[in-house]
Amino acid sequence: MADVNIETLAETENYAAWKSVEPDGELVYHVEIGSVTLHFFQEEWDELVVLITAAAESGGDAEDGE
């Protein structure tokens, strides 16, 4: 079995995001939230990034203390 190349994108105390290139060449993004890991293909990841960015720009910023 071939090794999977993994690149960590970001980590906090409770969350992690990384991407991997699977043995078949497919790029997959992973988001670990506690004991749950979500897996996204490129198109799904792109849509998630748009969603999270829009939410942050609409007042969902953790910096505002709410």
N, C-alpha and C. Protein backbone atom coordinates (compact mmCIF):
# COMPACT_ATOMS: atom_id res chain seq x y z
N MET A 1 0.85 -1.19 0.00
CA MET A 1 0.00 0.00 0.00
C MET A 1 0.89 1.24 0.00
N ALA A 2 0.58 2.21 -0.83
CA ALA A 2 1.38 3.43 -0.95
C ALA A 2 1.09 4.38 0.22
N ASP A 3 2.13 5.12 0.61
CA ASP A 3 1.96 6.13 1.64
C ASP A 3 1.16 7.30 1.09
N VAL A 4 0.38 7.92 1.96
CA VAL A 4 -0.40 9.10 1.59
C VAL A 4 0.36 10.33 2.06
N ASN A 5 0.59 11.28 1.15
CA ASN A 5 1.25 12.54 1.51
C ASN A 5 0.24 13.44 2.20
N ILE A 6 0.61 13.95 3.39
CA ILE A 6 -0.27 14.80 4.19
C ILE A 6 0.41 16.13 4.43
N GLU A 7 -0.37 17.22 4.29
CA GLU A 7 0.12 18.57 4.59
C GLU A 7 -0.87 19.23 5.54
N THR A 8 -0.40 19.60 6.74
CA THR A 8 -1.25 20.29 7.70
C THR A 8 -1.47 21.72 7.22
N LEU A 9 -2.73 22.13 7.16
CA LEU A 9 -3.09 23.49 6.73
C LEU A 9 -3.21 24.43 7.92
N ALA A 10 -3.82 23.96 9.01
CA ALA A 10 -4.00 24.79 10.21
C ALA A 10 -4.36 23.88 11.38
N GLU A 11 -3.98 24.33 12.58
CA GLU A 11 -4.32 23.60 13.80
C GLU A 11 -4.61 24.58 14.93
N THR A 12 -5.57 24.22 15.75
CA THR A 12 -5.80 24.91 17.01
C THR A 12 -5.78 23.83 18.09
N GLU A 13 -6.10 24.22 19.30
CA GLU A 13 -6.10 23.24 20.39
C GLU A 13 -7.12 22.12 20.14
N ASN A 14 -8.26 22.45 19.52
CA ASN A 14 -9.34 21.48 19.35
C ASN A 14 -9.64 21.08 17.91
N TYR A 15 -9.06 21.76 16.94
CA TYR A 15 -9.41 21.52 15.54
C TYR A 15 -8.15 21.39 14.69
N ALA A 16 -8.31 20.71 13.56
CA ALA A 16 -7.20 20.60 12.61
C ALA A 16 -7.75 20.50 11.20
N ALA A 17 -6.99 21.03 10.26
CA ALA A 17 -7.33 20.91 8.84
C ALA A 17 -6.07 20.49 8.11
N TRP A 18 -6.21 19.52 7.24
CA TRP A 18 -5.07 19.09 6.45
C TRP A 18 -5.54 18.59 5.10
N LYS A 19 -4.59 18.45 4.19
CA LYS A 19 -4.94 17.90 2.88
C LYS A 19 -4.01 16.73 2.59
N SER A 20 -4.50 15.84 1.78
CA SER A 20 -3.72 14.67 1.41
C SER A 20 -3.89 14.40 -0.08
N VAL A 21 -2.86 13.82 -0.64
CA VAL A 21 -2.94 13.33 -2.01
C VAL A 21 -3.03 11.82 -1.89
N GLU A 22 -4.17 11.30 -2.28
CA GLU A 22 -4.42 9.87 -2.16
C GLU A 22 -3.60 9.10 -3.19
N PRO A 23 -3.42 7.79 -3.00
CA PRO A 23 -2.62 7.00 -3.94
C PRO A 23 -3.08 7.09 -5.40
N ASP A 24 -4.37 7.37 -5.61
CA ASP A 24 -4.88 7.50 -6.98
C ASP A 24 -4.69 8.91 -7.54
N GLY A 25 -4.04 9.80 -6.75
CA GLY A 25 -3.78 11.17 -7.20
C GLY A 25 -4.84 12.17 -6.80
N GLU A 26 -5.93 11.72 -6.21
CA GLU A 26 -7.03 12.61 -5.80
C GLU A 26 -6.60 13.45 -4.59
N LEU A 27 -6.85 14.75 -4.65
CA LEU A 27 -6.59 15.66 -3.54
C LEU A 27 -7.81 15.67 -2.63
N VAL A 28 -7.61 15.41 -1.34
CA VAL A 28 -8.70 15.36 -0.37
C VAL A 28 -8.35 16.27 0.80
N TYR A 29 -9.32 17.08 1.23
CA TYR A 29 -9.16 17.95 2.38
C TYR A 29 -9.88 17.32 3.56
N HIS A 30 -9.32 17.49 4.76
CA HIS A 30 -9.87 16.88 5.97
C HIS A 30 -9.98 17.95 7.04
N VAL A 31 -11.09 17.94 7.78
CA VAL A 31 -11.28 18.84 8.91
C VAL A 31 -11.64 17.96 10.11
N GLU A 32 -10.80 18.02 11.14
CA GLU A 32 -11.03 17.26 12.36
C GLU A 32 -11.63 18.19 13.41
N ILE A 33 -12.83 17.83 13.87
CA ILE A 33 -13.55 18.60 14.88
C ILE A 33 -13.85 17.64 16.02
N GLY A 34 -13.03 17.70 17.05
CA GLY A 34 -13.18 16.74 18.14
C GLY A 34 -12.96 15.33 17.62
N SER A 35 -13.93 14.46 17.85
CA SER A 35 -13.80 13.06 17.42
C SER A 35 -14.36 12.81 16.02
N VAL A 36 -14.76 13.88 15.33
CA VAL A 36 -15.34 13.76 13.99
C VAL A 36 -14.37 14.32 12.96
N THR A 37 -14.17 13.58 11.88
CA THR A 37 -13.35 14.08 10.78
C THR A 37 -14.20 14.13 9.52
N LEU A 38 -14.24 15.30 8.90
CA LEU A 38 -14.97 15.50 7.65
C LEU A 38 -13.98 15.46 6.50
N HIS A 39 -14.37 14.84 5.39
CA HIS A 39 -13.50 14.69 4.23
C HIS A 39 -14.16 15.37 3.03
N PHE A 40 -13.38 16.17 2.29
CA PHE A 40 -13.92 16.94 1.18
C PHE A 40 -13.05 16.77 -0.06
N PHE A 41 -13.70 16.54 -1.20
CA PHE A 41 -12.99 16.63 -2.47
C PHE A 41 -12.83 18.10 -2.82
N GLN A 42 -12.04 18.43 -3.82
CA GLN A 42 -11.69 19.81 -4.14
C GLN A 42 -12.91 20.71 -4.29
N GLU A 43 -13.91 20.28 -5.05
CA GLU A 43 -15.08 21.12 -5.30
C GLU A 43 -15.85 21.39 -4.01
N GLU A 44 -15.95 20.37 -3.16
CA GLU A 44 -16.64 20.52 -1.88
C GLU A 44 -15.86 21.45 -0.95
N TRP A 45 -14.53 21.32 -0.95
CA TRP A 45 -13.68 22.18 -0.13
C TRP A 45 -13.83 23.63 -0.54
N ASP A 46 -13.81 23.87 -1.84
CA ASP A 46 -13.95 25.24 -2.35
C ASP A 46 -15.26 25.86 -1.86
N GLU A 47 -16.34 25.09 -1.90
CA GLU A 47 -17.63 25.59 -1.45
C GLU A 47 -17.63 25.84 0.06
N LEU A 48 -17.00 24.96 0.83
CA LEU A 48 -16.91 25.15 2.28
C LEU A 48 -16.12 26.41 2.62
N VAL A 49 -15.03 26.66 1.91
CA VAL A 49 -14.23 27.87 2.15
C VAL A 49 -15.07 29.11 1.88
N VAL A 50 -15.86 29.12 0.81
CA VAL A 50 -16.75 30.25 0.51
C VAL A 50 -17.75 30.43 1.64
N LEU A 51 -18.34 29.34 2.12
CA LEU A 51 -19.32 29.40 3.20
C LEU A 51 -18.71 29.97 4.48
N ILE A 52 -17.57 29.45 4.90
CA ILE A 52 -16.93 29.90 6.15
C ILE A 52 -16.49 31.36 6.03
N THR A 53 -15.94 31.73 4.88
CA THR A 53 -15.52 33.11 4.66
C THR A 53 -16.72 34.05 4.75
N ALA A 54 -17.83 33.69 4.11
CA ALA A 54 -19.04 34.52 4.14
C ALA A 54 -19.58 34.63 5.57
N ALA A 55 -19.55 33.54 6.30
CA ALA A 55 -20.03 33.57 7.69
C ALA A 55 -19.17 34.49 8.54
N ALA A 56 -17.87 34.43 8.37
CA ALA A 56 -16.96 35.30 9.14
C ALA A 56 -17.17 36.76 8.78
N GLU A 57 -17.39 37.04 7.50
CA GLU A 57 -17.60 38.42 7.05
C GLU A 57 -18.96 38.96 7.48
N SER A 58 -19.89 38.07 7.83
CA SER A 58 -21.24 38.49 8.24
C SER A 58 -21.39 38.62 9.75
N GLY A 59 -20.28 38.69 10.44
CA GLY A 59 -20.35 38.88 11.88
C GLY A 59 -20.08 37.64 12.69
N GLY A 60 -19.64 36.59 12.06
CA GLY A 60 -19.33 35.37 12.79
C GLY A 60 -17.88 35.29 13.20
N ASP A 61 -17.22 36.43 13.34
CA ASP A 61 -15.80 36.48 13.68
C ASP A 61 -15.61 36.21 15.17
N ALA A 62 -14.72 35.29 15.50
CA ALA A 62 -14.45 34.95 16.90
C ALA A 62 -13.82 36.11 17.66
N GLU A 63 -13.25 37.07 16.98
CA GLU A 63 -12.58 38.20 17.62
C GLU A 63 -13.55 39.19 18.25
N ASP A 64 -14.83 39.16 17.87
CA ASP A 64 -15.76 40.16 18.40
C ASP A 64 -16.30 39.80 19.79
N GLY A 65 -15.93 38.63 20.30
CA GLY A 65 -16.29 38.26 21.67
C GLY A 65 -17.71 37.83 21.88
N GLU A 66 -18.47 37.62 20.83
CA GLU A 66 -19.87 37.19 20.98
C GLU A 66 -20.01 35.73 20.67
